PDB file of N, CA and C in Angstrom:
ATOM      1  N   MET A   1       0.450  -0.938  -0.368  1.00  0.00           N
ATOM      2  CA  MET A   1       0.038   0.283  -0.162  1.00  0.00           C
ATOM      3  C   MET A   1       1.081   1.135   0.032  1.00  0.00           C
ATOM      4  N   ARG A   2       0.255   2.225  -1.250  1.00  0.00           N
ATOM      5  CA  ARG A   2       1.190   3.013  -0.659  1.00  0.00           C
ATOM      6  C   ARG A   2       0.920   4.493  -0.061  1.00  0.00           C
ATOM      7  N   ASN A   3       2.338   5.238   0.162  1.00  0.00           N
ATOM      8  CA  ASN A   3       1.867   6.100   1.535  1.00  0.00           C
ATOM      9  C   ASN A   3       1.868   6.880   1.359  1.00  0.00           C
ATOM     10  N   GLN A   4       0.524   7.865   0.890  1.00  0.00           N
ATOM     11  CA  GLN A   4      -0.433   8.847   1.323  1.00  0.00           C
ATOM     12  C   GLN A   4      -0.834  10.025   2.288  1.00  0.00           C
ATOM     13  N   THR A   5      -0.822  11.546   2.092  1.00  0.00           N
ATOM     14  CA  THR A   5      -1.082  12.421   2.439  1.00  0.00           C
ATOM     15  C   THR A   5      -2.395  12.735   2.779  1.00  0.00           C
ATOM     16  N   SER A   6      -3.160  13.351   4.071  1.00  0.00           N
ATOM     17  CA  SER A   6      -3.959  13.717   4.776  1.00  0.00           C
ATOM     18  C   SER A   6      -5.249  13.621   3.845  1.00  0.00           C
ATOM     19  N   GLY A   7      -4.780  14.099   2.222  1.00  0.00           N
ATOM     20  CA  GLY A   7      -4.940  15.129   1.559  1.00  0.00           C
ATOM     21  C   GLY A   7      -5.880  13.906   0.378  1.00  0.00           C
ATOM     22  N   GLY A   8      -5.199  12.788   0.535  1.00  0.00           N
ATOM     23  CA  GLY A   8      -5.334  11.730  -0.545  1.00  0.00           C
ATOM     24  C   GLY A   8      -4.203  11.938  -1.447  1.00  0.00           C
ATOM     25  N   ARG A   9      -3.283  12.865  -1.442  1.00  0.00           N
ATOM     26  CA  ARG A   9      -2.525  12.688  -2.448  1.00  0.00           C
ATOM     27  C   ARG A   9      -1.295  11.582  -2.082  1.00  0.00           C
ATOM     28  N   SER A  10      -0.667  11.303  -3.284  1.00  0.00           N
ATOM     29  CA  SER A  10       0.846  11.073  -3.298  1.00  0.00           C
ATOM     30  C   SER A  10       2.065  11.820  -2.348  1.00  0.00           C
ATOM     31  N   PRO A  11       2.693  11.545  -1.639  1.00  0.00           N
ATOM     32  CA  PRO A  11       4.028  12.612  -1.059  1.00  0.00           C
ATOM     33  C   PRO A  11       4.327  13.405  -2.282  1.00  0.00           C
ATOM     34  N   GLY A  12       5.085  13.064  -3.250  1.00  0.00           N
ATOM     35  CA  GLY A  12       5.800  13.235  -4.336  1.00  0.00           C
ATOM     36  C   GLY A  12       4.635  14.615  -4.964  1.00  0.00           C
ATOM     37  N   SER A  13       3.074  14.363  -4.498  1.00  0.00           N
ATOM     38  CA  SER A  13       2.952  15.207  -5.314  1.00  0.00           C
ATOM     39  C   SER A  13       2.244  16.146  -5.214  1.00  0.00           C
ATOM     40  N   ARG A  14       1.876  16.704  -3.987  1.00  0.00           N
ATOM     41  CA  ARG A  14       2.553  18.611  -3.316  1.00  0.00           C
ATOM     42  C   ARG A  14       2.814  19.443  -3.887  1.00  0.00           C
ATOM     43  N   LYS A  15       1.855  20.732  -4.281  1.00  0.00           N
ATOM     44  CA  LYS A  15       1.842  21.490  -4.506  1.00  0.00           C
ATOM     45  C   LYS A  15       2.571  22.459  -3.771  1.00  0.00           C
ATOM     46  N   ARG A  16       3.609  23.451  -5.157  1.00  0.00           N
ATOM     47  CA  ARG A  16       4.651  24.349  -4.303  1.00  0.00           C
ATOM     48  C   ARG A  16       5.242  25.592  -5.052  1.00  0.00           C
ATOM     49  N   PRO A  17       3.849  25.714  -5.046  1.00  0.00           N
ATOM     50  CA  PRO A  17       4.187  27.085  -6.118  1.00  0.00           C
ATOM     51  C   PRO A  17       5.307  27.925  -5.777  1.00  0.00           C
ATOM     52  N   ALA A  18       5.182  28.252  -4.634  1.00  0.00           N
ATOM     53  CA  ALA A  18       7.033  29.242  -4.364  1.00  0.00           C
ATOM     54  C   ALA A  18       7.874  28.476  -5.266  1.00  0.00           C
ATOM     55  N   LEU A  19       8.037  27.309  -6.248  1.00  0.00           N
ATOM     56  CA  LEU A  19       8.808  26.766  -6.849  1.00  0.00           C
ATOM     57  C   LEU A  19       9.273  27.479  -8.026  1.00  0.00           C
ATOM     58  N   LEU A  20       8.116  27.894  -8.358  1.00  0.00           N
ATOM     59  CA  LEU A  20       7.442  28.655  -9.392  1.00  0.00           C
ATOM     60  C   LEU A  20       8.786  30.038  -9.659  1.00  0.00           C
ATOM     61  N   TRP A  21       9.506  30.675  -9.134  1.00  0.00           N
ATOM     62  CA  TRP A  21       9.840  31.715  -9.023  1.00  0.00           C
ATOM     63  C   TRP A  21      11.253  30.766 -10.113  1.00  0.00           C
ATOM     64  N   LEU A  22      11.710  29.972  -9.390  1.00  0.00           N
ATOM     65  CA  LEU A  22      13.021  29.535  -9.789  1.00  0.00           C
ATOM     66  C   LEU A  22      12.797  29.517 -11.763  1.00  0.00           C
ATOM     67  N   LEU A  23      11.716  29.490 -11.690  1.00  0.00           N
ATOM     68  CA  LEU A  23      11.093  29.234 -13.289  1.00  0.00           C
ATOM     69  C   LEU A  23      11.669  31.386 -13.711  1.00  0.00           C
ATOM     70  N   LEU A  24      12.660  31.759 -13.399  1.00  0.00           N
ATOM     71  CA  LEU A  24      12.459  33.950 -13.519  1.00  0.00           C
ATOM     72  C   LEU A  24      14.171  33.428 -14.205  1.00  0.00           C
ATOM     73  N   PRO A  25      15.124  33.018 -13.647  1.00  0.00           N
ATOM     74  CA  PRO A  25      16.619  32.563 -13.962  1.00  0.00           C
ATOM     75  C   PRO A  25      16.259  32.161 -15.446  1.00  0.00           C
ATOM     76  N   TYR A  26      15.810  31.576 -15.452  1.00  0.00           N
ATOM     77  CA  TYR A  26      15.748  30.456 -17.003  1.00  0.00           C
ATOM     78  C   TYR A  26      14.734  31.434 -18.209  1.00  0.00           C
ATOM     79  N   VAL A  27      13.577  32.197 -18.142  1.00  0.00           N
ATOM     80  CA  VAL A  27      13.435  32.783 -18.347  1.00  0.00           C
ATOM     81  C   VAL A  27      14.314  34.237 -19.208  1.00  0.00           C
ATOM     82  N   LEU A  28      14.958  34.315 -17.518  1.00  0.00           N
ATOM     83  CA  LEU A  28      15.589  35.517 -17.983  1.00  0.00           C
ATOM     84  C   LEU A  28      17.056  35.202 -19.030  1.00  0.00           C
ATOM     85  N   PHE A  29      17.531  33.955 -18.776  1.00  0.00           N
ATOM     86  CA  PHE A  29      18.779  33.854 -19.493  1.00  0.00           C
ATOM     87  C   PHE A  29      18.268  33.453 -21.018  1.00  0.00           C
ATOM     88  N   LEU A  30      17.762  32.088 -21.387  1.00  0.00           N
ATOM     89  CA  LEU A  30      16.938  31.930 -22.208  1.00  0.00           C
ATOM     90  C   LEU A  30      15.911  32.088 -23.131  1.00  0.00           C
ATOM     91  N   ALA A  31      14.929  32.032 -22.554  1.00  0.00           N
ATOM     92  CA  ALA A  31      13.413  32.264 -23.090  1.00  0.00           C
ATOM     93  C   ALA A  31      13.585  34.125 -23.608  1.00  0.00           C
ATOM     94  N   VAL A  32      14.118  34.859 -23.193  1.00  0.00           N
ATOM     95  CA  VAL A  32      14.284  36.630 -23.796  1.00  0.00           C
ATOM     96  C   VAL A  32      15.354  36.357 -24.622  1.00  0.00           C
ATOM     97  N   LEU A  33      16.427  35.527 -24.803  1.00  0.00           N
ATOM     98  CA  LEU A  33      17.376  35.822 -25.721  1.00  0.00           C
ATOM     99  C   LEU A  33      16.795  36.112 -26.750  1.00  0.00           C
ATOM    100  N   PRO A  34      16.812  35.790 -27.712  1.00  0.00           N
ATOM    101  CA  PRO A  34      16.716  35.883 -28.762  1.00  0.00           C
ATOM    102  C   PRO A  34      15.863  37.619 -29.306  1.00  0.00           C
ATOM    103  N   LEU A  35      15.678  37.854 -28.114  1.00  0.00           N
ATOM    104  CA  LEU A  35      14.357  39.513 -27.942  1.00  0.00           C
ATOM    105  C   LEU A  35      15.953  40.889 -27.870  1.00  0.00           C
ATOM    106  N   VAL A  36      16.268  40.265 -27.266  1.00  0.00           N
ATOM    107  CA  VAL A  36      17.608  40.910 -26.151  1.00  0.00           C
ATOM    108  C   VAL A  36      18.916  40.531 -26.984  1.00  0.00           C
ATOM    109  N   ASN A  37      19.173  40.194 -28.199  1.00  0.00           N
ATOM    110  CA  ASN A  37      20.413  40.109 -28.706  1.00  0.00           C
ATOM    111  C   ASN A  37      20.283  41.060 -29.937  1.00  0.00           C
ATOM    112  N   ARG A  38      20.735  42.424 -28.708  1.00  0.00           N
ATOM    113  CA  ARG A  38      21.321  42.988 -30.020  1.00  0.00           C
ATOM    114  C   ARG A  38      22.147  44.190 -29.502  1.00  0.00           C
ATOM    115  N   VAL A  39      23.465  45.103 -30.252  1.00  0.00           N
ATOM    116  CA  VAL A  39      24.177  45.649 -28.875  1.00  0.00           C
ATOM    117  C   VAL A  39      23.858  46.935 -29.214  1.00  0.00           C
ATOM    118  N   THR A  40      22.660  47.598 -29.935  1.00  0.00           N
ATOM    119  CA  THR A  40      21.978  48.526 -29.522  1.00  0.00           C
ATOM    120  C   THR A  40      21.212  49.308 -28.883  1.00  0.00           C
ATOM    121  N   PRO A  41      20.078  49.258 -27.864  1.00  0.00           N
ATOM    122  CA  PRO A  41      20.644  50.631 -27.349  1.00  0.00           C
ATOM    123  C   PRO A  41      21.608  50.251 -26.071  1.00  0.00           C
ATOM    124  N   THR A  42      22.723  51.190 -26.288  1.00  0.00           N
ATOM    125  CA  THR A  42      23.805  51.119 -24.905  1.00  0.00           C
ATOM    126  C   THR A  42      23.031  51.612 -23.754  1.00  0.00           C
ATOM    127  N   VAL A  43      22.925  50.736 -22.656  1.00  0.00           N
ATOM    128  CA  VAL A  43      22.507  50.962 -21.050  1.00  0.00           C
ATOM    129  C   VAL A  43      23.423  50.828 -20.138  1.00  0.00           C
ATOM    130  N   LEU A  44      24.149  51.455 -19.317  1.00  0.00           N
ATOM    131  CA  LEU A  44      25.353  52.188 -18.674  1.00  0.00           C
ATOM    132  C   LEU A  44      26.278  52.046 -19.200  1.00  0.00           C
ATOM    133  N   GLY A  45      26.858  52.040 -20.806  1.00  0.00           N
ATOM    134  CA  GLY A  45      27.931  51.499 -21.168  1.00  0.00           C
ATOM    135  C   GLY A  45      28.379  50.778 -21.619  1.00  0.00           C
ATOM    136  N   LEU A  46      27.016  49.419 -21.451  1.00  0.00           N
ATOM    137  CA  LEU A  46      27.000  48.195 -21.438  1.00  0.00           C
ATOM    138  C   LEU A  46      26.052  48.456 -22.958  1.00  0.00           C
ATOM    139  N   PRO A  47      26.331  47.472 -24.025  1.00  0.00           N
ATOM    140  CA  PRO A  47      25.262  46.837 -25.364  1.00  0.00           C
ATOM    141  C   PRO A  47      24.130  46.423 -24.143  1.00  0.00           C
ATOM    142  N   PHE A  48      23.508  46.356 -25.269  1.00  0.00           N
ATOM    143  CA  PHE A  48      22.341  45.732 -24.186  1.00  0.00           C
ATOM    144  C   PHE A  48      21.752  44.815 -24.023  1.00  0.00           C
ATOM    145  N   LEU A  49      22.565  43.323 -24.106  1.00  0.00           N
ATOM    146  CA  LEU A  49      22.717  41.739 -24.282  1.00  0.00           C
ATOM    147  C   LEU A  49      23.757  41.743 -22.484  1.00  0.00           C
ATOM    148  N   PHE A  50      24.848  42.161 -23.145  1.00  0.00           N
ATOM    149  CA  PHE A  50      25.638  42.840 -21.876  1.00  0.00           C
ATOM    150  C   PHE A  50      24.641  43.084 -20.283  1.00  0.00           C
ATOM    151  N   PHE A  51      24.817  44.307 -21.163  1.00  0.00           N
ATOM    152  CA  PHE A  51      23.371  44.852 -19.485  1.00  0.00           C
ATOM    153  C   PHE A  51      22.056  43.086 -19.537  1.00  0.00           C
ATOM    154  N   TRP A  52      21.627  42.880 -20.072  1.00  0.00           N
ATOM    155  CA  TRP A  52      20.443  42.308 -19.877  1.00  0.00           C
ATOM    156  C   TRP A  52      21.427  41.072 -18.609  1.00  0.00           C
ATOM    157  N   MET A  53      22.134  40.321 -19.131  1.00  0.00           N
ATOM    158  CA  MET A  53      22.717  38.810 -18.644  1.00  0.00           C
ATOM    159  C   MET A  53      23.553  39.527 -17.442  1.00  0.00           C
ATOM    160  N   LEU A  54      23.258  41.017 -17.301  1.00  0.00           N
ATOM    161  CA  LEU A  54      23.954  41.460 -15.864  1.00  0.00           C
ATOM    162  C   LEU A  54      22.675  40.577 -15.258  1.00  0.00           C
ATOM    163  N   LEU A  55      21.597  41.675 -15.093  1.00  0.00           N
ATOM    164  CA  LEU A  55      20.419  42.052 -14.834  1.00  0.00           C
ATOM    165  C   LEU A  55      19.817  40.577 -14.736  1.00  0.00           C
ATOM    166  N   ALA A  56      20.769  39.862 -14.970  1.00  0.00           N
ATOM    167  CA  ALA A  56      19.882  38.263 -14.863  1.00  0.00           C
ATOM    168  C   ALA A  56      20.255  37.696 -14.038  1.00  0.00           C
ATOM    169  N   THR A  57      21.937  37.570 -14.059  1.00  0.00           N
ATOM    170  CA  THR A  57      22.184  37.180 -12.572  1.00  0.00           C
ATOM    171  C   THR A  57      22.223  38.084 -12.389  1.00  0.00           C
ATOM    172  N   LEU A  58      21.900  38.801 -11.863  1.00  0.00           N
ATOM    173  CA  LEU A  58      21.322  39.463 -10.043  1.00  0.00           C
ATOM    174  C   LEU A  58      19.804  39.423  -9.584  1.00  0.00           C
ATOM    175  N   ALA A  59      19.094  38.876 -10.888  1.00  0.00           N
ATOM    176  CA  ALA A  59      18.316  38.556 -10.717  1.00  0.00           C
ATOM    177  C   ALA A  59      17.858  36.697 -10.018  1.00  0.00           C
ATOM    178  N   THR A  60      18.930  36.470  -9.874  1.00  0.00           N
ATOM    179  CA  THR A  60      19.123  34.944 -10.650  1.00  0.00           C
ATOM    180  C   THR A  60      19.124  34.664  -8.572  1.00  0.00           C
ATOM    181  N   PRO A  61      19.443  35.114  -7.339  1.00  0.00           N
ATOM    182  CA  PRO A  61      19.750  34.838  -6.486  1.00  0.00           C
ATOM    183  C   PRO A  61      18.390  35.611  -5.329  1.00  0.00           C
ATOM    184  N   LEU A  62      18.247  36.471  -6.010  1.00  0.00           N
ATOM    185  CA  LEU A  62      16.268  36.865  -6.205  1.00  0.00           C
ATOM    186  C   LEU A  62      15.258  36.241  -5.898  1.00  0.00           C
ATOM    187  N   ALA A  63      15.528  35.681  -7.156  1.00  0.00           N
ATOM    188  CA  ALA A  63      14.739  33.684  -6.999  1.00  0.00           C
ATOM    189  C   ALA A  63      14.520  33.024  -6.041  1.00  0.00           C
ATOM    190  N   VAL A  64      15.795  32.628  -6.236  1.00  0.00           N
ATOM    191  CA  VAL A  64      16.022  31.754  -5.211  1.00  0.00           C
ATOM    192  C   VAL A  64      15.525  31.923  -4.237  1.00  0.00           C
ATOM    193  N   TRP A  65      15.762  33.004  -3.351  1.00  0.00           N
ATOM    194  CA  TRP A  65      15.398  33.974  -1.924  1.00  0.00           C
ATOM    195  C   TRP A  65      14.252  33.876  -2.235  1.00  0.00           C
ATOM    196  N   LEU A  66      13.650  33.910  -2.667  1.00  0.00           N
ATOM    197  CA  LEU A  66      11.884  34.069  -2.520  1.00  0.00           C
ATOM    198  C   LEU A  66      11.357  32.604  -3.020  1.00  0.00           C
ATOM    199  N   ALA A  67      11.760  32.366  -3.433  1.00  0.00           N
ATOM    200  CA  ALA A  67      10.905  30.538  -2.945  1.00  0.00           C
ATOM    201  C   ALA A  67      11.899  29.950  -2.310  1.00  0.00           C
ATOM    202  N   ARG A  68      13.108  30.112  -1.849  1.00  0.00           N
ATOM    203  CA  ARG A  68      12.616  29.147  -0.305  1.00  0.00           C
ATOM    204  C   ARG A  68      12.064  29.906   0.814  1.00  0.00           C
ATOM    205  N   ARG A  69      12.446  31.918   0.812  1.00  0.00           N
ATOM    206  CA  ARG A  69      11.195  32.034   1.872  1.00  0.00           C
ATOM    207  C   ARG A  69       9.987  30.925   1.559  1.00  0.00           C
ATOM    208  N   GLY A  70       9.093  31.626   0.292  1.00  0.00           N
ATOM    209  CA  GLY A  70       7.839  30.989   0.293  1.00  0.00           C
ATOM    210  C   GLY A  70       7.543  28.801   0.632  1.00  0.00           C
ATOM    211  N   ASP A  71       9.205  28.419   0.484  1.00  0.00           N
ATOM    212  CA  ASP A  71       8.455  27.010   1.228  1.00  0.00           C
ATOM    213  C   ASP A  71       8.875  27.180   2.546  1.00  0.00           C
ATOM    214  N   ARG A  72       9.587  28.297   3.454  1.00  0.00           N
ATOM    215  CA  ARG A  72       9.888  28.497   4.377  1.00  0.00           C
ATOM    216  C   ARG A  72       8.010  28.420   5.092  1.00  0.00           C
ATOM    217  N   ALA A  73       7.679  29.478   4.364  1.00  0.00           N
ATOM    218  CA  ALA A  73       6.558  30.485   4.856  1.00  0.00           C
ATOM    219  C   ALA A  73       5.020  29.418   5.128  1.00  0.00           C
ATOM    220  N   ARG A  74       5.132  27.845   4.382  1.00  0.00           N
ATOM    221  CA  ARG A  74       4.312  27.398   4.850  1.00  0.00           C
ATOM    222  C   ARG A  74       4.984  25.977   4.747  1.00  0.00           C
ATOM    223  N   GLY A  75       5.668  26.245   5.659  1.00  0.00           N
ATOM    224  CA  GLY A  75       7.126  24.528   6.430  1.00  0.00           C
ATOM    225  C   GLY A  75       7.576  23.882   5.931  1.00  0.00           C
ATOM    226  N   ARG A  76       7.899  23.655   4.604  1.00  0.00           N
ATOM    227  CA  ARG A  76       8.233  22.858   3.815  1.00  0.00           C
ATOM    228  C   ARG A  76       9.659  22.588   4.284  1.00  0.00           C
ATOM    229  N   ILE A  77      10.214  24.035   4.833  1.00  0.00           N
ATOM    230  CA  ILE A  77      11.973  23.397   5.782  1.00  0.00           C
ATOM    231  C   ILE A  77      11.861  24.187   7.019  1.00  0.00           C
TER     232      ILE A  77
END
């Protein structure tokens, strides 16, 4: 007999909406890349693509922190 949680679902099928924050880096780095792959305009003296990659790199730890915070709020960690 399989282990079941009180909601009738198996333990591996728990909903964890906070983990959707982890899709943010994927979207910023890969999905949007064809749209931002250009040299002009320059932002802060950087070509737009470099600026976008810098922005995505700085947003990644924020997304991980938000996912962890959401799990902690629901008592997952």
